[in-house]
Amino acid sequence: MTVWTVIKRFLFGWIAAGGLLVIVSCVKYREFIITAFLNNTWAWINALMPVVIILVGIRCMIRAVLK
């Protein structure tokens, strides 16, 4: 058994334990995760929508002038 084998086993063990913890957390706290994701998604949409509307308006004005 080499040092590299010990290091690999240690890292793979932590990766497996972390993956298992993520899966358990996602199952146990799925409602909280979904709510947080949806709230953040709607916050981004609400923040970007005025910018998108302004850019579309400017584009329409430029196209109208250049026609």
C-alpha atoms as a PDB file:
ATOM      1  CA  MET A   1       0.000   0.000   0.000  1.00  0.00           C
ATOM      2  CA  THR A   2       1.456   3.324  -1.073  1.00  0.00           C
ATOM      3  CA  VAL A   3       0.873   6.842   0.183  1.00  0.00           C
ATOM      4  CA  TRP A   4      -0.971   7.690  -3.031  1.00  0.00           C
ATOM      5  CA  THR A   5      -3.394   4.783  -2.439  1.00  0.00           C
ATOM      6  CA  VAL A   6      -4.122   6.043   1.080  1.00  0.00           C
ATOM      7  CA  ILE A   7      -4.693   9.584  -0.223  1.00  0.00           C
ATOM      8  CA  LYS A   8      -7.012   8.312  -2.991  1.00  0.00           C
ATOM      9  CA  ARG A   9      -9.045   6.240  -0.536  1.00  0.00           C
ATOM     10  CA  PHE A  10      -9.307   9.230   1.804  1.00  0.00           C
ATOM     11  CA  LEU A  11     -10.464  11.549  -0.993  1.00  0.00           C
ATOM     12  CA  PHE A  12     -12.907   9.019  -2.470  1.00  0.00           C
ATOM     13  CA  GLY A  13     -14.336   8.412   1.000  1.00  0.00           C
ATOM     14  CA  TRP A  14     -14.943  12.120   1.555  1.00  0.00           C
ATOM     15  CA  ILE A  15     -16.439  12.493  -1.922  1.00  0.00           C
ATOM     16  CA  ALA A  16     -18.781   9.553  -1.304  1.00  0.00           C
ATOM     17  CA  ALA A  17     -19.780  10.858   2.135  1.00  0.00           C
ATOM     18  CA  GLY A  18     -20.347  14.356   0.721  1.00  0.00           C
ATOM     19  CA  GLY A  19     -22.427  12.998  -2.157  1.00  0.00           C
ATOM     20  CA  LEU A  20     -24.539  10.955   0.235  1.00  0.00           C
ATOM     21  CA  LEU A  21     -25.011  13.993   2.466  1.00  0.00           C
ATOM     22  CA  VAL A  22     -26.120  16.108  -0.510  1.00  0.00           C
ATOM     23  CA  ILE A  23     -28.662  13.471  -1.554  1.00  0.00           C
ATOM     24  CA  VAL A  24     -30.038  13.127   1.984  1.00  0.00           C
ATOM     25  CA  SER A  25     -30.235  16.914   2.370  1.00  0.00           C
ATOM     26  CA  CYS A  26     -32.015  17.333  -0.967  1.00  0.00           C
ATOM     27  CA  VAL A  27     -34.593  14.706  -0.009  1.00  0.00           C
ATOM     28  CA  LYS A  28     -35.065  15.962   3.551  1.00  0.00           C
ATOM     29  CA  TYR A  29     -35.167  19.702   2.780  1.00  0.00           C
ATOM     30  CA  ARG A  30     -36.610  19.642  -0.745  1.00  0.00           C
ATOM     31  CA  GLU A  31     -39.468  22.064   0.039  1.00  0.00           C
ATOM     32  CA  PHE A  32     -37.049  24.606   1.502  1.00  0.00           C
ATOM     33  CA  ILE A  33     -34.656  24.237  -1.451  1.00  0.00           C
ATOM     34  CA  ILE A  34     -37.476  24.591  -3.986  1.00  0.00           C
ATOM     35  CA  THR A  35     -38.864  27.664  -2.196  1.00  0.00           C
ATOM     36  CA  ALA A  36     -35.442  29.329  -1.997  1.00  0.00           C
ATOM     37  CA  PHE A  37     -34.746  28.574  -5.663  1.00  0.00           C
ATOM     38  CA  LEU A  38     -38.116  29.911  -6.819  1.00  0.00           C
ATOM     39  CA  ASN A  39     -37.836  33.068  -4.694  1.00  0.00           C
ATOM     40  CA  ASN A  40     -34.373  33.803  -6.075  1.00  0.00           C
ATOM     41  CA  THR A  41     -35.519  33.054  -9.621  1.00  0.00           C
ATOM     42  CA  TRP A  42     -38.442  35.458  -9.334  1.00  0.00           C
ATOM     43  CA  ALA A  43     -36.170  38.081  -7.778  1.00  0.00           C
ATOM     44  CA  TRP A  44     -33.827  37.853 -10.786  1.00  0.00           C
ATOM     45  CA  ILE A  45     -36.766  38.027 -13.213  1.00  0.00           C
ATOM     46  CA  ASN A  46     -38.179  41.067 -11.409  1.00  0.00           C
ATOM     47  CA  ALA A  47     -34.765  42.747 -11.412  1.00  0.00           C
ATOM     48  CA  LEU A  48     -34.026  42.107 -15.097  1.00  0.00           C
ATOM     49  CA  MET A  49     -37.473  42.705 -16.591  1.00  0.00           C
ATOM     50  CA  PRO A  50     -37.257  46.550 -16.586  1.00  0.00           C
ATOM     51  CA  VAL A  51     -33.843  46.366 -18.256  1.00  0.00           C
ATOM     52  CA  VAL A  52     -35.185  44.016 -20.945  1.00  0.00           C
ATOM     53  CA  ILE A  53     -38.222  46.246 -21.549  1.00  0.00           C
ATOM     54  CA  ILE A  54     -36.004  49.331 -21.897  1.00  0.00           C
ATOM     55  CA  LEU A  55     -33.659  47.562 -24.333  1.00  0.00           C
ATOM     56  CA  VAL A  56     -36.570  46.322 -26.451  1.00  0.00           C
ATOM     57  CA  GLY A  57     -38.041  49.835 -26.463  1.00  0.00           C
ATOM     58  CA  ILE A  58     -34.732  51.385 -27.540  1.00  0.00           C
ATOM     59  CA  ARG A  59     -34.364  48.753 -30.278  1.00  0.00           C
ATOM     60  CA  CYS A  60     -37.880  49.485 -31.571  1.00  0.00           C
ATOM     61  CA  MET A  61     -37.197  53.234 -31.569  1.00  0.00           C
ATOM     62  CA  ILE A  62     -33.934  52.804 -33.489  1.00  0.00           C
ATOM     63  CA  ARG A  63     -35.601  50.524 -36.038  1.00  0.00           C
ATOM     64  CA  ALA A  64     -38.462  53.018 -36.466  1.00  0.00           C
ATOM     65  CA  VAL A  65     -36.039  55.903 -37.082  1.00  0.00           C
ATOM     66  CA  LEU A  66     -33.927  53.933 -39.552  1.00  0.00           C
ATOM     67  CA  LYS A  67     -36.880  52.714 -41.642  1.00  0.00           C
END
